[in-house]
């Protein structure tokens, strides 16, 4: 199993820490603690991460070429896909791109001081908790490199 390159490890490390902060913020919100300004900024950065995942998802699921999609998008999507499979959400929402967009929109709502339903908060919290774990596993070298991912290998130039 090849090690992550320094650049990939940097991005993965940043994503792991960001996901952990989002998970902590969402867990606190579930306990009735509203996010402060710093937590709101974390949620906006989380929405940016989900935008990256959406770009990878569009490239894979819809087989569309996107000028903005690149290896980081595909790697983030690959990790998010593992989370979706782990949480068994594939049967619940067949269009994963729409699910990731919905999650992004919910983070943005919270960052703007708006509330979301508990029925949305719980799966969102679970998603980021498991996403954190998967990013940390990536750092430990417990997953395949991007070129070895069967799902993603055909999408690379």
N, C-alpha and C. Protein backbone atom coordinates (compact mmCIF):
# COMPACT_ATOMS: atom_id res chain seq x y z
N UNK A 1 0.84 -1.16 0.00
CA UNK A 1 0.00 0.00 0.00
C UNK A 1 0.89 1.24 0.00
N UNK A 2 0.86 2.06 -1.06
CA UNK A 2 1.72 3.23 -1.11
C UNK A 2 1.31 4.29 -0.09
N UNK A 3 2.31 5.02 0.37
CA UNK A 3 2.03 6.10 1.30
C UNK A 3 1.44 7.28 0.54
N UNK A 4 0.71 8.11 1.28
CA UNK A 4 0.20 9.34 0.69
C UNK A 4 1.38 10.27 0.41
N UNK A 5 1.28 11.04 -0.67
CA UNK A 5 2.31 12.04 -0.91
C UNK A 5 2.19 13.10 0.17
N UNK A 6 3.22 13.94 0.27
CA UNK A 6 3.20 14.99 1.29
C UNK A 6 1.99 15.90 1.09
N UNK A 7 1.72 16.29 -0.16
CA UNK A 7 0.59 17.18 -0.44
C UNK A 7 -0.73 16.52 -0.07
N UNK A 8 -0.88 15.25 -0.44
CA UNK A 8 -2.12 14.53 -0.11
C UNK A 8 -2.27 14.38 1.40
N UNK A 9 -1.17 14.09 2.08
CA UNK A 9 -1.22 13.93 3.53
C UNK A 9 -1.59 15.26 4.19
N UNK A 10 -1.09 16.37 3.65
CA UNK A 10 -1.42 17.68 4.17
C UNK A 10 -2.92 17.96 4.05
N UNK A 11 -3.47 17.70 2.88
CA UNK A 11 -4.90 17.93 2.64
C UNK A 11 -5.72 17.00 3.51
N UNK A 12 -5.32 15.75 3.59
CA UNK A 12 -6.05 14.78 4.40
C UNK A 12 -6.00 15.16 5.88
N UNK A 13 -4.86 15.61 6.35
CA UNK A 13 -4.72 16.05 7.74
C UNK A 13 -5.62 17.25 8.02
N UNK A 14 -5.61 18.20 7.11
CA UNK A 14 -6.47 19.38 7.26
C UNK A 14 -7.94 18.97 7.28
N UNK A 15 -8.32 18.04 6.39
CA UNK A 15 -9.71 17.59 6.34
C UNK A 15 -10.10 16.82 7.60
N UNK A 16 -9.17 16.04 8.14
CA UNK A 16 -9.45 15.28 9.36
C UNK A 16 -9.69 16.24 10.52
N UNK A 17 -8.84 17.24 10.66
CA UNK A 17 -9.01 18.19 11.76
C UNK A 17 -10.29 19.01 11.59
N UNK A 18 -10.57 19.41 10.36
CA UNK A 18 -11.79 20.18 10.09
C UNK A 18 -13.03 19.33 10.40
N UNK A 19 -13.03 18.09 9.95
CA UNK A 19 -14.17 17.20 10.20
C UNK A 19 -14.38 17.00 11.70
N UNK A 20 -13.29 16.87 12.44
CA UNK A 20 -13.40 16.70 13.90
C UNK A 20 -14.02 17.95 14.54
N UNK A 21 -13.62 19.12 14.08
CA UNK A 21 -14.18 20.36 14.63
C UNK A 21 -15.66 20.48 14.28
N UNK A 22 -16.02 20.10 13.07
CA UNK A 22 -17.43 20.14 12.67
C UNK A 22 -18.25 19.17 13.51
N UNK A 23 -17.72 17.98 13.69
CA UNK A 23 -18.40 16.97 14.50
C UNK A 23 -18.62 17.48 15.93
N UNK A 24 -17.61 18.09 16.49
CA UNK A 24 -17.72 18.64 17.85
C UNK A 24 -18.78 19.75 17.89
N UNK A 25 -18.78 20.62 16.90
CA UNK A 25 -19.75 21.72 16.83
C UNK A 25 -21.17 21.18 16.71
N UNK A 26 -21.36 20.18 15.85
CA UNK A 26 -22.69 19.61 15.65
C UNK A 26 -23.15 18.85 16.90
N UNK A 27 -22.24 18.17 17.57
CA UNK A 27 -22.60 17.47 18.81
C UNK A 27 -23.02 18.47 19.89
N UNK A 28 -22.31 19.57 19.98
CA UNK A 28 -22.68 20.61 20.95
C UNK A 28 -24.05 21.20 20.60
N UNK A 29 -24.29 21.42 19.32
CA UNK A 29 -25.58 21.95 18.88
C UNK A 29 -26.71 20.98 19.24
N UNK A 30 -26.46 19.69 19.10
CA UNK A 30 -27.46 18.68 19.47
C UNK A 30 -27.77 18.72 20.96
N UNK A 31 -26.81 19.19 21.76
CA UNK A 31 -27.01 19.32 23.20
C UNK A 31 -27.57 20.69 23.59
N UNK A 32 -27.90 21.51 22.58
CA UNK A 32 -28.51 22.80 22.83
C UNK A 32 -27.56 23.97 22.91
N UNK A 33 -26.27 23.75 22.59
CA UNK A 33 -25.28 24.82 22.64
C UNK A 33 -25.16 25.44 21.25
N UNK A 34 -25.59 26.70 21.09
CA UNK A 34 -25.50 27.33 19.77
C UNK A 34 -24.04 27.63 19.41
N UNK A 35 -23.72 27.58 18.12
CA UNK A 35 -22.34 27.83 17.71
C UNK A 35 -21.95 29.30 17.89
N UNK A 36 -20.73 29.53 18.39
CA UNK A 36 -20.21 30.89 18.47
C UNK A 36 -19.64 31.26 17.10
N UNK A 37 -19.06 32.44 17.01
CA UNK A 37 -18.55 32.91 15.71
C UNK A 37 -17.46 32.00 15.14
N UNK A 38 -16.59 31.52 16.00
CA UNK A 38 -15.52 30.62 15.54
C UNK A 38 -16.10 29.32 15.00
N UNK A 39 -17.08 28.77 15.69
CA UNK A 39 -17.72 27.53 15.24
C UNK A 39 -18.46 27.76 13.92
N UNK A 40 -19.05 28.93 13.77
CA UNK A 40 -19.74 29.25 12.51
C UNK A 40 -18.75 29.28 11.35
N UNK A 41 -17.55 29.80 11.59
CA UNK A 41 -16.51 29.80 10.55
C UNK A 41 -16.10 28.37 10.20
N UNK A 42 -16.01 27.51 11.20
CA UNK A 42 -15.70 26.10 10.97
C UNK A 42 -16.76 25.47 10.08
N UNK A 43 -18.02 25.79 10.35
CA UNK A 43 -19.11 25.24 9.55
C UNK A 43 -19.05 25.72 8.09
N UNK A 44 -18.66 26.97 7.89
CA UNK A 44 -18.50 27.48 6.52
C UNK A 44 -17.37 26.72 5.82
N UNK A 45 -16.27 26.48 6.53
CA UNK A 45 -15.18 25.70 5.94
C UNK A 45 -15.63 24.27 5.68
N UNK A 46 -16.50 23.75 6.53
CA UNK A 46 -17.07 22.42 6.30
C UNK A 46 -17.92 22.39 5.04
N UNK A 47 -18.67 23.46 4.82
CA UNK A 47 -19.46 23.56 3.59
C UNK A 47 -18.54 23.58 2.37
N UNK A 48 -17.39 24.23 2.51
CA UNK A 48 -16.40 24.23 1.41
C UNK A 48 -15.88 22.82 1.15
N UNK A 49 -15.64 22.06 2.22
CA UNK A 49 -15.21 20.67 2.07
C UNK A 49 -16.29 19.87 1.35
N UNK A 50 -17.53 20.08 1.72
CA UNK A 50 -18.62 19.37 1.04
C UNK A 50 -18.73 19.79 -0.43
N UNK A 51 -18.41 21.03 -0.74
CA UNK A 51 -18.38 21.46 -2.14
C UNK A 51 -17.32 20.68 -2.90
N UNK A 52 -16.18 20.45 -2.28
CA UNK A 52 -15.13 19.63 -2.89
C UNK A 52 -15.63 18.21 -3.13
N UNK A 53 -16.33 17.66 -2.15
CA UNK A 53 -16.89 16.32 -2.29
C UNK A 53 -17.93 16.29 -3.41
N UNK A 54 -18.75 17.32 -3.49
CA UNK A 54 -19.77 17.41 -4.54
C UNK A 54 -19.10 17.42 -5.92
N UNK A 55 -18.01 18.16 -6.06
CA UNK A 55 -17.32 18.21 -7.35
C UNK A 55 -16.80 16.83 -7.76
N UNK A 56 -16.25 16.09 -6.80
CA UNK A 56 -15.81 14.73 -7.09
C UNK A 56 -16.98 13.83 -7.42
N UNK A 57 -18.08 14.00 -6.72
CA UNK A 57 -19.27 13.21 -6.95
C UNK A 57 -19.84 13.44 -8.34
N UNK A 58 -19.88 14.69 -8.74
CA UNK A 58 -20.39 15.02 -10.08
C UNK A 58 -19.52 14.37 -11.14
N UNK A 59 -18.24 14.43 -10.94
CA UNK A 59 -17.32 13.84 -11.91
C UNK A 59 -17.53 12.34 -12.05
N UNK A 60 -17.72 11.65 -10.93
CA UNK A 60 -17.88 10.19 -10.95
C UNK A 60 -19.30 9.77 -11.30
N UNK A 61 -20.27 10.28 -10.57
CA UNK A 61 -21.65 9.82 -10.73
C UNK A 61 -22.27 10.23 -12.06
N UNK A 62 -21.98 11.42 -12.45
CA UNK A 62 -22.65 11.94 -13.65
C UNK A 62 -21.75 11.91 -14.87
N UNK A 63 -20.53 11.42 -14.66
CA UNK A 63 -19.58 11.25 -15.76
C UNK A 63 -19.38 12.55 -16.55
N UNK A 64 -19.48 13.68 -15.86
CA UNK A 64 -19.27 14.96 -16.51
C UNK A 64 -17.87 15.45 -16.21
N UNK A 65 -17.27 16.06 -17.19
CA UNK A 65 -15.97 16.65 -16.97
C UNK A 65 -16.17 18.00 -16.30
N UNK A 66 -15.36 18.27 -15.32
CA UNK A 66 -15.44 19.55 -14.62
C UNK A 66 -14.04 20.13 -14.56
N UNK A 67 -13.91 21.36 -15.00
CA UNK A 67 -12.60 22.00 -14.98
C UNK A 67 -12.10 22.18 -13.55
N UNK A 68 -13.02 22.29 -12.59
CA UNK A 68 -12.62 22.54 -11.22
C UNK A 68 -12.32 21.25 -10.45
N UNK A 69 -12.76 20.10 -10.98
CA UNK A 69 -12.52 18.84 -10.29
C UNK A 69 -11.06 18.40 -10.48
N UNK A 70 -10.45 17.94 -9.43
CA UNK A 70 -9.07 17.44 -9.52
C UNK A 70 -8.89 16.33 -8.49
N UNK A 71 -7.68 15.89 -8.33
CA UNK A 71 -7.40 14.74 -7.46
C UNK A 71 -7.93 14.91 -6.04
N UNK A 72 -7.82 16.10 -5.49
CA UNK A 72 -8.29 16.33 -4.12
C UNK A 72 -9.80 16.11 -4.04
N UNK A 73 -10.53 16.56 -5.08
CA UNK A 73 -11.97 16.35 -5.11
C UNK A 73 -12.29 14.87 -5.12
N UNK A 74 -11.56 14.13 -5.95
CA UNK A 74 -11.80 12.69 -6.07
C UNK A 74 -11.44 11.96 -4.79
N UNK A 75 -10.37 12.37 -4.15
CA UNK A 75 -9.96 11.73 -2.90
C UNK A 75 -10.98 12.01 -1.80
N UNK A 76 -11.41 13.26 -1.70
CA UNK A 76 -12.41 13.62 -0.69
C UNK A 76 -13.72 12.87 -0.96
N UNK A 77 -14.10 12.76 -2.23
CA UNK A 77 -15.30 12.02 -2.59
C UNK A 77 -15.15 10.54 -2.22
N UNK A 78 -14.00 9.99 -2.48
CA UNK A 78 -13.75 8.58 -2.17
C UNK A 78 -13.92 8.32 -0.68
N UNK A 79 -13.39 9.20 0.15
CA UNK A 79 -13.53 9.05 1.60
C UNK A 79 -14.99 9.21 1.99
N UNK A 80 -15.67 10.22 1.44
CA UNK A 80 -17.08 10.45 1.76
C UNK A 80 -17.94 9.26 1.33
N UNK A 81 -17.61 8.66 0.21
CA UNK A 81 -18.34 7.49 -0.26
C UNK A 81 -18.18 6.33 0.73
N UNK A 82 -17.00 6.17 1.27
CA UNK A 82 -16.77 5.13 2.28
C UNK A 82 -17.64 5.40 3.52
N UNK A 83 -17.78 6.65 3.88
CA UNK A 83 -18.61 7.02 5.02
C UNK A 83 -20.07 6.67 4.74
N UNK A 84 -20.54 7.03 3.55
CA UNK A 84 -21.92 6.75 3.15
C UNK A 84 -22.19 5.25 3.21
N UNK A 85 -21.25 4.47 2.71
CA UNK A 85 -21.42 3.01 2.75
C UNK A 85 -21.40 2.50 4.19
N UNK A 86 -20.51 3.05 5.01
CA UNK A 86 -20.41 2.65 6.41
C UNK A 86 -21.71 2.94 7.17
N UNK A 87 -22.32 4.07 6.87
CA UNK A 87 -23.56 4.47 7.53
C UNK A 87 -24.80 3.87 6.85
N UNK A 88 -24.56 3.13 5.79
CA UNK A 88 -25.64 2.49 5.02
C UNK A 88 -26.67 3.50 4.52
N UNK A 89 -26.17 4.60 3.99
CA UNK A 89 -27.06 5.65 3.47
C UNK A 89 -27.30 5.51 1.97
N UNK A 90 -26.64 4.59 1.31
CA UNK A 90 -26.79 4.48 -0.14
C UNK A 90 -28.20 4.11 -0.54
N UNK A 91 -28.89 3.29 0.23
CA UNK A 91 -30.25 2.90 -0.12
C UNK A 91 -31.24 4.03 0.17
N UNK A 92 -30.89 4.89 1.13
CA UNK A 92 -31.80 5.96 1.51
C UNK A 92 -31.82 7.10 0.51
N UNK A 93 -30.72 7.37 -0.09
CA UNK A 93 -30.62 8.51 -1.01
C UNK A 93 -29.79 8.07 -2.21
N UNK A 94 -30.46 7.71 -3.27
CA UNK A 94 -29.74 7.14 -4.41
C UNK A 94 -28.85 8.15 -5.13
N UNK A 95 -29.18 9.43 -5.07
CA UNK A 95 -28.34 10.44 -5.68
C UNK A 95 -27.45 11.05 -4.60
N UNK A 96 -26.24 10.54 -4.52
CA UNK A 96 -25.33 10.99 -3.46
C UNK A 96 -24.94 12.45 -3.62
N UNK A 97 -24.86 12.91 -4.86
CA UNK A 97 -24.53 14.32 -5.07
C UNK A 97 -25.56 15.19 -4.36
N UNK A 98 -26.83 14.86 -4.52
CA UNK A 98 -27.89 15.63 -3.85
C UNK A 98 -27.77 15.56 -2.33
N UNK A 99 -27.40 14.39 -1.82
CA UNK A 99 -27.22 14.24 -0.38
C UNK A 99 -26.10 15.14 0.12
N UNK A 100 -24.96 15.16 -0.59
CA UNK A 100 -23.84 16.02 -0.18
C UNK A 100 -24.21 17.50 -0.29
N UNK A 101 -24.99 17.86 -1.30
CA UNK A 101 -25.44 19.25 -1.44
C UNK A 101 -26.36 19.61 -0.28
N UNK A 102 -27.24 18.69 0.09
CA UNK A 102 -28.16 18.92 1.21
C UNK A 102 -27.36 19.11 2.51
N UNK A 103 -26.36 18.27 2.73
CA UNK A 103 -25.52 18.41 3.92
C UNK A 103 -24.80 19.77 3.91
N UNK A 104 -24.28 20.16 2.77
CA UNK A 104 -23.60 21.46 2.66
C UNK A 104 -24.55 22.60 3.00
N UNK A 105 -25.75 22.54 2.43
CA UNK A 105 -26.74 23.60 2.68
C UNK A 105 -27.12 23.68 4.15
N UNK A 106 -27.21 22.53 4.81
CA UNK A 106 -27.55 22.52 6.23
C UNK A 106 -26.44 23.15 7.07
N UNK A 107 -25.18 22.87 6.73
CA UNK A 107 -24.07 23.51 7.45
C UNK A 107 -24.12 25.02 7.28
N UNK A 108 -24.42 25.47 6.06
CA UNK A 108 -24.50 26.91 5.81
C UNK A 108 -25.65 27.54 6.60
N UNK A 109 -26.77 26.85 6.70
CA UNK A 109 -27.89 27.37 7.51
C UNK A 109 -27.45 27.58 8.95
N UNK A 110 -26.81 26.57 9.51
CA UNK A 110 -26.36 26.68 10.91
C UNK A 110 -25.36 27.82 11.05
N UNK A 111 -24.46 27.96 10.08
CA UNK A 111 -23.44 29.02 10.15
C UNK A 111 -24.06 30.41 10.09
N UNK A 112 -25.26 30.48 9.54
CA UNK A 112 -25.98 31.77 9.46
C UNK A 112 -26.90 31.99 10.64
N UNK A 113 -26.82 31.11 11.63
CA UNK A 113 -27.63 31.26 12.83
C UNK A 113 -29.03 30.70 12.70
N UNK A 114 -29.31 30.02 11.60
CA UNK A 114 -30.63 29.41 11.42
C UNK A 114 -30.62 28.00 12.01
N UNK A 115 -31.78 27.54 12.39
CA UNK A 115 -31.85 26.19 12.98
C UNK A 115 -32.19 25.17 11.89
N UNK A 116 -31.83 23.93 12.19
CA UNK A 116 -32.20 22.82 11.32
C UNK A 116 -32.92 21.80 12.19
N UNK A 117 -33.66 20.92 11.54
CA UNK A 117 -34.42 19.93 12.29
C UNK A 117 -33.50 18.90 12.92
N UNK A 118 -33.95 18.34 14.01
CA UNK A 118 -33.20 17.28 14.68
C UNK A 118 -33.05 16.08 13.74
N UNK A 119 -34.06 15.84 12.91
CA UNK A 119 -33.99 14.71 11.97
C UNK A 119 -32.89 14.92 10.93
N UNK A 120 -32.48 16.15 10.73
CA UNK A 120 -31.36 16.43 9.82
C UNK A 120 -30.05 16.51 10.60
N UNK A 121 -30.11 17.01 11.82
CA UNK A 121 -28.90 17.19 12.62
C UNK A 121 -28.24 15.85 12.97
N UNK A 122 -29.05 14.87 13.30
CA UNK A 122 -28.48 13.56 13.70
C UNK A 122 -27.67 12.90 12.59
N UNK A 123 -28.21 12.76 11.37
CA UNK A 123 -27.39 12.13 10.32
C UNK A 123 -26.18 12.99 9.92
N UNK A 124 -26.33 14.29 10.00
CA UNK A 124 -25.22 15.18 9.67
C UNK A 124 -24.09 15.01 10.69
N UNK A 125 -24.46 14.92 11.96
CA UNK A 125 -23.47 14.70 13.02
C UNK A 125 -22.78 13.36 12.83
N UNK A 126 -23.55 12.33 12.54
CA UNK A 126 -22.98 10.99 12.31
C UNK A 126 -22.04 11.01 11.11
N UNK A 127 -22.45 11.67 10.04
CA UNK A 127 -21.63 11.73 8.84
C UNK A 127 -20.27 12.32 9.16
N UNK A 128 -20.23 13.44 9.87
CA UNK A 128 -18.94 14.08 10.15
C UNK A 128 -18.12 13.32 11.19
N UNK A 129 -18.77 12.64 12.11
CA UNK A 129 -18.03 11.82 13.07
C UNK A 129 -17.31 10.68 12.35
N UNK A 130 -18.01 10.02 11.44
CA UNK A 130 -17.41 8.91 10.70
C UNK A 130 -16.41 9.44 9.67
N UNK A 131 -16.69 10.58 9.06
CA UNK A 131 -15.77 11.19 8.09
C UNK A 131 -14.43 11.48 8.77
N UNK A 132 -14.48 11.98 9.99
CA UNK A 132 -13.25 12.24 10.75
C UNK A 132 -12.43 10.97 10.88
N UNK A 133 -13.10 9.91 11.28
CA UNK A 133 -12.40 8.63 11.47
C UNK A 133 -11.76 8.14 10.17
N UNK A 134 -12.49 8.27 9.06
CA UNK A 134 -11.95 7.81 7.79
C UNK A 134 -10.77 8.66 7.32
N UNK A 135 -10.82 9.96 7.54
CA UNK A 135 -9.67 10.80 7.18
C UNK A 135 -8.45 10.42 8.01
N UNK A 136 -8.65 10.17 9.29
CA UNK A 136 -7.52 9.74 10.12
C UNK A 136 -6.99 8.39 9.68
N UNK A 137 -7.86 7.49 9.26
CA UNK A 137 -7.40 6.20 8.73
C UNK A 137 -6.56 6.40 7.47
N UNK A 138 -6.96 7.35 6.64
CA UNK A 138 -6.19 7.68 5.44
C UNK A 138 -4.76 8.07 5.83
N UNK A 139 -4.66 8.88 6.86
CA UNK A 139 -3.34 9.33 7.31
C UNK A 139 -2.49 8.17 7.81
N UNK A 140 -3.13 7.17 8.35
CA UNK A 140 -2.41 6.00 8.84
C UNK A 140 -2.09 5.01 7.73
N UNK A 141 -2.48 5.35 6.51
CA UNK A 141 -2.17 4.49 5.38
C UNK A 141 -3.03 3.24 5.29
N UNK A 142 -4.24 3.31 5.85
CA UNK A 142 -5.08 2.12 5.88
C UNK A 142 -6.02 2.01 4.68
N UNK A 143 -5.86 2.89 3.69
CA UNK A 143 -6.70 2.77 2.50
C UNK A 143 -5.83 2.81 1.26
N UNK A 144 -6.45 2.51 0.16
CA UNK A 144 -5.73 2.45 -1.12
C UNK A 144 -5.39 3.84 -1.62
N UNK A 145 -4.36 3.92 -2.45
CA UNK A 145 -4.05 5.20 -3.09
C UNK A 145 -5.11 5.47 -4.15
N UNK A 146 -5.20 6.70 -4.59
CA UNK A 146 -6.21 7.10 -5.56
C UNK A 146 -6.14 6.27 -6.83
N UNK A 147 -4.95 5.97 -7.30
CA UNK A 147 -4.82 5.22 -8.54
C UNK A 147 -5.21 3.76 -8.37
N UNK A 148 -5.25 3.27 -7.12
CA UNK A 148 -5.65 1.90 -6.87
C UNK A 148 -7.14 1.76 -6.59
N UNK A 149 -7.84 2.88 -6.39
CA UNK A 149 -9.28 2.83 -6.15
C UNK A 149 -9.96 2.44 -7.45
N UNK A 150 -10.62 1.28 -7.52
CA UNK A 150 -11.26 0.85 -8.76
C UNK A 150 -12.31 1.83 -9.25
N UNK A 151 -13.06 2.44 -8.33
CA UNK A 151 -14.10 3.36 -8.70
C UNK A 151 -13.54 4.62 -9.37
N UNK A 152 -12.36 5.05 -8.91
CA UNK A 152 -11.83 6.32 -9.36
C UNK A 152 -10.75 6.21 -10.44
N UNK A 153 -10.18 5.06 -10.62
CA UNK A 153 -9.05 4.92 -11.54
C UNK A 153 -9.41 5.35 -12.96
N UNK A 154 -10.61 5.07 -13.41
CA UNK A 154 -11.00 5.42 -14.78
C UNK A 154 -11.20 6.92 -14.97
N UNK A 155 -11.36 7.66 -13.89
CA UNK A 155 -11.64 9.10 -13.98
C UNK A 155 -10.37 9.94 -14.05
N UNK A 156 -9.24 9.33 -13.78
CA UNK A 156 -7.99 10.10 -13.77
C UNK A 156 -7.45 10.27 -15.18
N UNK A 157 -6.81 11.42 -15.43
CA UNK A 157 -6.22 11.65 -16.76
C UNK A 157 -5.04 10.75 -17.03
